[in-house]
């Protein structure tokens, strides 16, 4: 499972230890819909996964793992960001921010800092420029 997906999540490890037959059954669905080559390319499926996980505000480790896989299979950071941006009109700014935060964690882009006095995410006021 790990080899085919390219990642492992904590719940995979828990279920492997606690109820392996259920993990296998769940993995069969994932294999059929996501891993088995069909009409959609693996890259397209990965972008759809990233978008849907963003909209659902899935656990950040899960979202980040799909962003990493997307990069490994040849998608650019910009392509991944554009998929996340689709969440904005459909799911709103909170879901969009969730996805952008996960994307930034993985790709490591340095955000621009304001040069005028403003509050930051921690409620601290001041210019950084």
N, C-alpha and C. Protein backbone atom coordinates (compact mmCIF):
# COMPACT_ATOMS: atom_id res chain seq x y z
N UNK A 1 0.82 -1.19 0.00
CA UNK A 1 0.00 0.00 0.00
C UNK A 1 0.87 1.25 0.00
N UNK A 2 1.85 1.27 0.87
CA UNK A 2 2.73 2.43 0.97
C UNK A 2 3.51 2.62 -0.33
N UNK A 3 4.00 1.54 -0.90
CA UNK A 3 4.77 1.62 -2.13
C UNK A 3 3.90 2.17 -3.26
N UNK A 4 2.68 1.70 -3.39
CA UNK A 4 1.79 2.15 -4.46
C UNK A 4 1.40 3.61 -4.32
N UNK A 5 1.14 4.06 -3.09
CA UNK A 5 0.68 5.43 -2.87
C UNK A 5 1.82 6.44 -2.77
N UNK A 6 2.92 6.01 -2.21
CA UNK A 6 4.03 6.92 -2.02
C UNK A 6 3.98 7.66 -0.70
N UNK A 7 3.07 7.28 0.16
CA UNK A 7 2.95 7.91 1.48
C UNK A 7 2.24 6.95 2.43
N UNK A 8 2.34 7.22 3.71
CA UNK A 8 1.60 6.49 4.72
C UNK A 8 1.13 7.50 5.76
N UNK A 9 -0.11 7.35 6.20
CA UNK A 9 -0.69 8.24 7.20
C UNK A 9 -0.81 7.50 8.53
N UNK A 10 -0.94 8.26 9.61
CA UNK A 10 -1.03 7.63 10.93
C UNK A 10 -2.19 6.64 11.01
N UNK A 11 -3.34 7.01 10.43
CA UNK A 11 -4.48 6.08 10.54
C UNK A 11 -4.22 4.78 9.78
N UNK A 12 -3.41 4.81 8.72
CA UNK A 12 -3.04 3.58 8.04
C UNK A 12 -2.28 2.66 9.01
N UNK A 13 -1.34 3.24 9.74
CA UNK A 13 -0.53 2.45 10.67
C UNK A 13 -1.38 1.90 11.81
N UNK A 14 -2.31 2.72 12.30
CA UNK A 14 -3.19 2.27 13.38
C UNK A 14 -4.07 1.12 12.89
N UNK A 15 -4.68 1.29 11.72
CA UNK A 15 -5.58 0.26 11.21
C UNK A 15 -4.82 -1.01 10.82
N UNK A 16 -3.58 -0.88 10.37
CA UNK A 16 -2.78 -2.07 10.07
C UNK A 16 -2.57 -2.91 11.33
N UNK A 17 -2.43 -2.24 12.46
CA UNK A 17 -2.24 -2.94 13.73
C UNK A 17 -3.56 -3.39 14.35
N UNK A 18 -4.62 -2.58 14.19
CA UNK A 18 -5.86 -2.83 14.92
C UNK A 18 -6.90 -3.64 14.14
N UNK A 19 -7.01 -3.41 12.83
CA UNK A 19 -8.03 -4.10 12.04
C UNK A 19 -7.61 -4.14 10.58
N UNK A 20 -6.64 -4.99 10.31
CA UNK A 20 -6.04 -5.08 8.98
C UNK A 20 -7.05 -5.40 7.87
N UNK A 21 -8.04 -6.29 8.09
CA UNK A 21 -9.00 -6.56 7.02
C UNK A 21 -9.79 -5.31 6.57
N UNK A 22 -10.12 -4.43 7.48
CA UNK A 22 -10.83 -3.21 7.12
C UNK A 22 -9.89 -2.27 6.34
N UNK A 23 -8.65 -2.19 6.76
CA UNK A 23 -7.68 -1.39 6.01
C UNK A 23 -7.54 -1.93 4.59
N UNK A 24 -7.47 -3.23 4.44
CA UNK A 24 -7.38 -3.82 3.10
C UNK A 24 -8.61 -3.50 2.27
N UNK A 25 -9.79 -3.57 2.87
CA UNK A 25 -11.03 -3.27 2.14
C UNK A 25 -11.07 -1.82 1.70
N UNK A 26 -10.69 -0.92 2.59
CA UNK A 26 -10.65 0.51 2.23
C UNK A 26 -9.63 0.75 1.14
N UNK A 27 -8.51 0.06 1.22
CA UNK A 27 -7.46 0.24 0.21
C UNK A 27 -7.91 -0.26 -1.16
N UNK A 28 -8.76 -1.27 -1.20
CA UNK A 28 -9.28 -1.77 -2.47
C UNK A 28 -10.06 -0.67 -3.20
N UNK A 29 -10.84 0.10 -2.47
CA UNK A 29 -11.59 1.22 -3.07
C UNK A 29 -10.61 2.28 -3.59
N UNK A 30 -9.61 2.60 -2.80
CA UNK A 30 -8.61 3.59 -3.21
C UNK A 30 -7.87 3.10 -4.46
N UNK A 31 -7.51 1.85 -4.48
CA UNK A 31 -6.83 1.30 -5.66
C UNK A 31 -7.69 1.44 -6.91
N UNK A 32 -8.98 1.11 -6.80
CA UNK A 32 -9.87 1.15 -7.96
C UNK A 32 -10.09 2.59 -8.45
N UNK A 33 -10.30 3.51 -7.54
CA UNK A 33 -10.64 4.88 -7.92
C UNK A 33 -9.43 5.76 -8.19
N UNK A 34 -8.31 5.48 -7.55
CA UNK A 34 -7.19 6.42 -7.55
C UNK A 34 -5.92 5.85 -8.19
N UNK A 35 -5.57 4.62 -7.87
CA UNK A 35 -4.27 4.10 -8.29
C UNK A 35 -4.31 3.34 -9.61
N UNK A 36 -5.39 2.67 -9.90
CA UNK A 36 -5.48 1.89 -11.13
C UNK A 36 -5.58 2.83 -12.33
N UNK A 37 -4.71 2.66 -13.32
CA UNK A 37 -4.79 3.52 -14.51
C UNK A 37 -6.14 3.35 -15.21
N UNK A 38 -6.78 4.47 -15.46
CA UNK A 38 -8.06 4.49 -16.17
C UNK A 38 -8.01 5.67 -17.13
N UNK A 39 -9.08 6.41 -17.26
CA UNK A 39 -9.13 7.53 -18.20
C UNK A 39 -8.35 8.74 -17.70
N UNK A 40 -8.53 9.10 -16.44
CA UNK A 40 -7.83 10.26 -15.89
C UNK A 40 -6.38 9.90 -15.58
N UNK A 41 -5.48 10.84 -15.82
CA UNK A 41 -4.07 10.62 -15.51
C UNK A 41 -3.86 10.67 -14.00
N UNK A 42 -2.75 10.11 -13.57
CA UNK A 42 -2.40 10.15 -12.14
C UNK A 42 -2.27 11.60 -11.69
N UNK A 43 -1.73 12.47 -12.54
CA UNK A 43 -1.58 13.89 -12.18
C UNK A 43 -2.94 14.54 -11.97
N UNK A 44 -3.88 14.28 -12.87
CA UNK A 44 -5.22 14.85 -12.72
C UNK A 44 -5.87 14.35 -11.44
N UNK A 45 -5.77 13.06 -11.18
CA UNK A 45 -6.35 12.50 -9.96
C UNK A 45 -5.73 13.15 -8.73
N UNK A 46 -4.42 13.38 -8.76
CA UNK A 46 -3.75 13.98 -7.60
C UNK A 46 -4.26 15.41 -7.37
N UNK A 47 -4.44 16.18 -8.45
CA UNK A 47 -4.98 17.53 -8.31
C UNK A 47 -6.39 17.49 -7.75
N UNK A 48 -7.20 16.54 -8.19
CA UNK A 48 -8.56 16.41 -7.67
C UNK A 48 -8.53 16.04 -6.19
N UNK A 49 -7.62 15.15 -5.82
CA UNK A 49 -7.47 14.78 -4.41
C UNK A 49 -7.11 16.02 -3.58
N UNK A 50 -6.15 16.79 -4.05
CA UNK A 50 -5.71 17.98 -3.32
C UNK A 50 -6.86 18.97 -3.18
N UNK A 51 -7.60 19.17 -4.25
CA UNK A 51 -8.75 20.07 -4.18
C UNK A 51 -9.80 19.57 -3.21
N UNK A 52 -10.16 18.30 -3.30
CA UNK A 52 -11.20 17.80 -2.41
C UNK A 52 -10.75 17.78 -0.96
N UNK A 53 -9.50 17.45 -0.71
CA UNK A 53 -9.00 17.48 0.67
C UNK A 53 -8.96 18.91 1.21
N UNK A 54 -8.68 19.87 0.33
CA UNK A 54 -8.70 21.28 0.74
C UNK A 54 -10.11 21.70 1.12
N UNK A 55 -11.06 21.39 0.27
CA UNK A 55 -12.45 21.77 0.51
C UNK A 55 -12.97 21.15 1.81
N UNK A 56 -12.57 19.91 2.08
CA UNK A 56 -13.03 19.22 3.29
C UNK A 56 -12.20 19.60 4.52
N UNK A 57 -11.15 20.40 4.31
CA UNK A 57 -10.22 20.73 5.38
C UNK A 57 -9.74 19.47 6.10
N UNK A 58 -9.24 18.57 5.27
CA UNK A 58 -8.71 17.29 5.76
C UNK A 58 -7.51 17.54 6.66
N UNK A 59 -7.13 16.57 7.46
CA UNK A 59 -5.95 16.74 8.31
C UNK A 59 -4.74 17.19 7.47
N UNK A 60 -4.02 18.15 7.99
CA UNK A 60 -2.90 18.71 7.25
C UNK A 60 -1.86 17.69 6.81
N UNK A 61 -1.52 16.69 7.64
CA UNK A 61 -0.55 15.71 7.15
C UNK A 61 -1.04 14.98 5.90
N UNK A 62 -2.33 14.70 5.81
CA UNK A 62 -2.87 14.03 4.63
C UNK A 62 -2.79 14.94 3.41
N UNK A 63 -3.19 16.19 3.57
CA UNK A 63 -3.13 17.14 2.46
C UNK A 63 -1.69 17.36 2.01
N UNK A 64 -0.80 17.55 2.96
CA UNK A 64 0.61 17.75 2.61
C UNK A 64 1.18 16.53 1.88
N UNK A 65 0.79 15.32 2.28
CA UNK A 65 1.33 14.13 1.62
C UNK A 65 0.90 14.09 0.16
N UNK A 66 -0.31 14.50 -0.14
CA UNK A 66 -0.76 14.52 -1.54
C UNK A 66 -0.05 15.62 -2.33
N UNK A 67 0.25 16.73 -1.69
CA UNK A 67 1.01 17.79 -2.37
C UNK A 67 2.41 17.28 -2.69
N UNK A 68 3.02 16.58 -1.75
CA UNK A 68 4.37 16.02 -1.99
C UNK A 68 4.34 15.01 -3.14
N UNK A 69 3.35 14.13 -3.13
CA UNK A 69 3.23 13.14 -4.21
C UNK A 69 3.04 13.85 -5.55
N UNK A 70 2.21 14.89 -5.57
CA UNK A 70 1.97 15.64 -6.81
C UNK A 70 3.28 16.22 -7.35
N UNK A 71 4.09 16.75 -6.47
CA UNK A 71 5.39 17.28 -6.90
C UNK A 71 6.27 16.16 -7.44
N UNK A 72 6.27 15.02 -6.77
CA UNK A 72 7.11 13.89 -7.19
C UNK A 72 6.70 13.33 -8.54
N UNK A 73 5.41 13.42 -8.89
CA UNK A 73 4.97 12.86 -10.17
C UNK A 73 4.97 13.91 -11.28
N UNK A 74 5.59 15.06 -11.00
CA UNK A 74 5.85 16.02 -12.06
C UNK A 74 4.97 17.26 -12.11
N UNK A 75 4.05 17.41 -11.19
CA UNK A 75 3.25 18.64 -11.17
C UNK A 75 4.08 19.77 -10.58
N UNK A 76 3.87 20.97 -11.07
CA UNK A 76 4.61 22.12 -10.57
C UNK A 76 3.89 22.71 -9.36
N UNK A 77 4.61 23.44 -8.52
CA UNK A 77 3.95 24.13 -7.42
C UNK A 77 2.80 25.02 -7.90
N UNK A 78 2.98 25.68 -9.05
CA UNK A 78 1.94 26.56 -9.58
C UNK A 78 0.69 25.76 -9.98
N UNK A 79 0.86 24.62 -10.59
CA UNK A 79 -0.29 23.79 -10.97
C UNK A 79 -1.07 23.35 -9.73
N UNK A 80 -0.35 22.98 -8.69
CA UNK A 80 -1.00 22.56 -7.45
C UNK A 80 -1.74 23.73 -6.82
N UNK A 81 -1.11 24.90 -6.81
CA UNK A 81 -1.76 26.08 -6.25
C UNK A 81 -3.03 26.42 -7.03
N UNK A 82 -2.99 26.31 -8.33
CA UNK A 82 -4.18 26.60 -9.14
C UNK A 82 -5.32 25.64 -8.81
N UNK A 83 -5.01 24.39 -8.52
CA UNK A 83 -6.06 23.45 -8.10
C UNK A 83 -6.66 23.89 -6.76
N UNK A 84 -5.81 24.31 -5.84
CA UNK A 84 -6.28 24.78 -4.53
C UNK A 84 -7.12 26.03 -4.69
N UNK A 85 -6.76 26.88 -5.61
CA UNK A 85 -7.50 28.13 -5.83
C UNK A 85 -8.93 27.89 -6.28
N UNK A 86 -9.22 26.75 -6.87
CA UNK A 86 -10.59 26.43 -7.27
C UNK A 86 -11.49 26.33 -6.04
N UNK A 87 -10.91 26.03 -4.88
CA UNK A 87 -11.70 25.95 -3.65
C UNK A 87 -12.28 27.31 -3.24
N UNK A 88 -11.63 28.37 -3.64
CA UNK A 88 -12.05 29.72 -3.19
C UNK A 88 -13.49 30.04 -3.56
N UNK A 89 -13.88 29.98 -4.84
CA UNK A 89 -15.27 30.34 -5.14
C UNK A 89 -16.29 29.30 -4.68
N UNK A 90 -15.89 28.05 -4.56
CA UNK A 90 -16.84 26.99 -4.23
C UNK A 90 -16.95 26.70 -2.74
N UNK A 91 -15.87 26.80 -2.01
CA UNK A 91 -15.88 26.43 -0.60
C UNK A 91 -15.56 27.59 0.33
N UNK A 92 -15.11 28.70 -0.22
CA UNK A 92 -14.87 29.89 0.59
C UNK A 92 -13.42 30.07 1.01
N UNK A 93 -13.20 31.22 1.62
CA UNK A 93 -11.85 31.65 1.96
C UNK A 93 -11.22 30.79 3.04
N UNK A 94 -12.00 30.26 3.98
CA UNK A 94 -11.42 29.46 5.06
C UNK A 94 -10.82 28.17 4.50
N UNK A 95 -11.57 27.47 3.65
CA UNK A 95 -11.04 26.26 3.03
C UNK A 95 -9.84 26.59 2.15
N UNK A 96 -9.94 27.67 1.39
CA UNK A 96 -8.83 28.09 0.54
C UNK A 96 -7.57 28.35 1.36
N UNK A 97 -7.71 29.08 2.47
CA UNK A 97 -6.56 29.36 3.33
C UNK A 97 -5.95 28.07 3.86
N UNK A 98 -6.79 27.10 4.18
CA UNK A 98 -6.32 25.79 4.67
C UNK A 98 -5.40 25.16 3.64
N UNK A 99 -5.86 25.14 2.39
CA UNK A 99 -5.06 24.54 1.33
C UNK A 99 -3.78 25.31 1.03
N UNK A 100 -3.88 26.63 1.01
CA UNK A 100 -2.69 27.46 0.76
C UNK A 100 -1.66 27.25 1.86
N UNK A 101 -2.12 27.15 3.10
CA UNK A 101 -1.20 26.92 4.21
C UNK A 101 -0.46 25.60 4.07
N UNK A 102 -1.18 24.54 3.69
CA UNK A 102 -0.53 23.23 3.49
C UNK A 102 0.44 23.30 2.32
N UNK A 103 0.03 23.96 1.24
CA UNK A 103 0.89 24.11 0.06
C UNK A 103 2.17 24.86 0.42
N UNK A 104 2.03 25.95 1.16
CA UNK A 104 3.19 26.75 1.56
C UNK A 104 4.12 25.94 2.46
N UNK A 105 3.55 25.12 3.35
CA UNK A 105 4.38 24.26 4.20
C UNK A 105 5.26 23.34 3.38
N UNK A 106 4.72 22.83 2.28
CA UNK A 106 5.46 21.86 1.47
C UNK A 106 6.43 22.54 0.52
N UNK A 107 5.97 23.56 -0.20
CA UNK A 107 6.85 24.17 -1.21
C UNK A 107 7.79 25.20 -0.61
N UNK A 108 7.48 25.72 0.57
CA UNK A 108 8.40 26.59 1.27
C UNK A 108 8.53 28.00 0.72
N UNK A 109 7.55 28.47 0.00
CA UNK A 109 7.63 29.83 -0.55
C UNK A 109 7.62 30.85 0.59
N UNK A 110 8.47 31.85 0.48
CA UNK A 110 8.52 32.90 1.49
C UNK A 110 7.44 33.94 1.20
N UNK A 111 6.55 34.17 2.15
CA UNK A 111 5.50 35.16 1.91
C UNK A 111 6.06 36.59 1.93
N UNK A 112 5.41 37.45 1.20
CA UNK A 112 5.77 38.87 1.26
C UNK A 112 5.31 39.42 2.60
N UNK A 113 6.04 40.36 3.13
CA UNK A 113 5.71 40.97 4.42
C UNK A 113 5.26 42.40 4.17
N UNK A 114 4.25 42.85 4.91
CA UNK A 114 3.79 44.22 4.72
C UNK A 114 4.85 45.23 5.16
N UNK A 115 4.88 46.35 4.48
CA UNK A 115 5.81 47.41 4.85
C UNK A 115 5.09 48.54 5.58
N UNK A 116 3.80 48.35 5.81
CA UNK A 116 3.02 49.33 6.57
C UNK A 116 2.54 48.66 7.85
N UNK A 117 2.16 49.47 8.81
CA UNK A 117 1.69 48.99 10.10
C UNK A 117 0.40 48.18 9.92
N UNK A 118 0.41 46.90 10.36
CA UNK A 118 -0.76 46.03 10.24
C UNK A 118 -0.67 44.91 11.27
N UNK A 119 -1.83 44.32 11.61
CA UNK A 119 -1.84 43.16 12.50
C UNK A 119 -1.43 41.92 11.72
N UNK A 120 -0.67 41.03 12.37
CA UNK A 120 -0.33 39.76 11.75
C UNK A 120 -1.26 38.67 12.27
N UNK A 121 -0.99 37.43 11.92
CA UNK A 121 -1.86 36.31 12.32
C UNK A 121 -1.90 36.11 13.83
N UNK A 122 -0.89 36.55 14.54
CA UNK A 122 -0.87 36.41 15.99
C UNK A 122 -1.44 37.63 16.70
N UNK A 123 -1.94 38.59 15.95
CA UNK A 123 -2.53 39.78 16.55
C UNK A 123 -1.50 40.84 16.95
N UNK A 124 -0.28 40.70 16.48
CA UNK A 124 0.76 41.66 16.77
C UNK A 124 0.74 42.72 15.68
N UNK A 125 0.80 43.98 16.10
CA UNK A 125 0.74 45.07 15.13
C UNK A 125 2.15 45.62 14.90
N UNK A 126 2.47 45.85 13.64
CA UNK A 126 3.77 46.44 13.31
C UNK A 126 4.13 46.19 11.86
N UNK A 127 4.97 47.03 11.34
CA UNK A 127 5.49 46.86 9.98
C UNK A 127 6.69 45.94 10.02
N UNK A 128 6.89 45.15 8.97
CA UNK A 128 8.01 44.23 8.91
C UNK A 128 9.03 44.63 7.86
N UNK A 129 8.77 45.66 7.12
CA UNK A 129 9.64 45.98 6.01
C UNK A 129 10.66 46.97 6.37
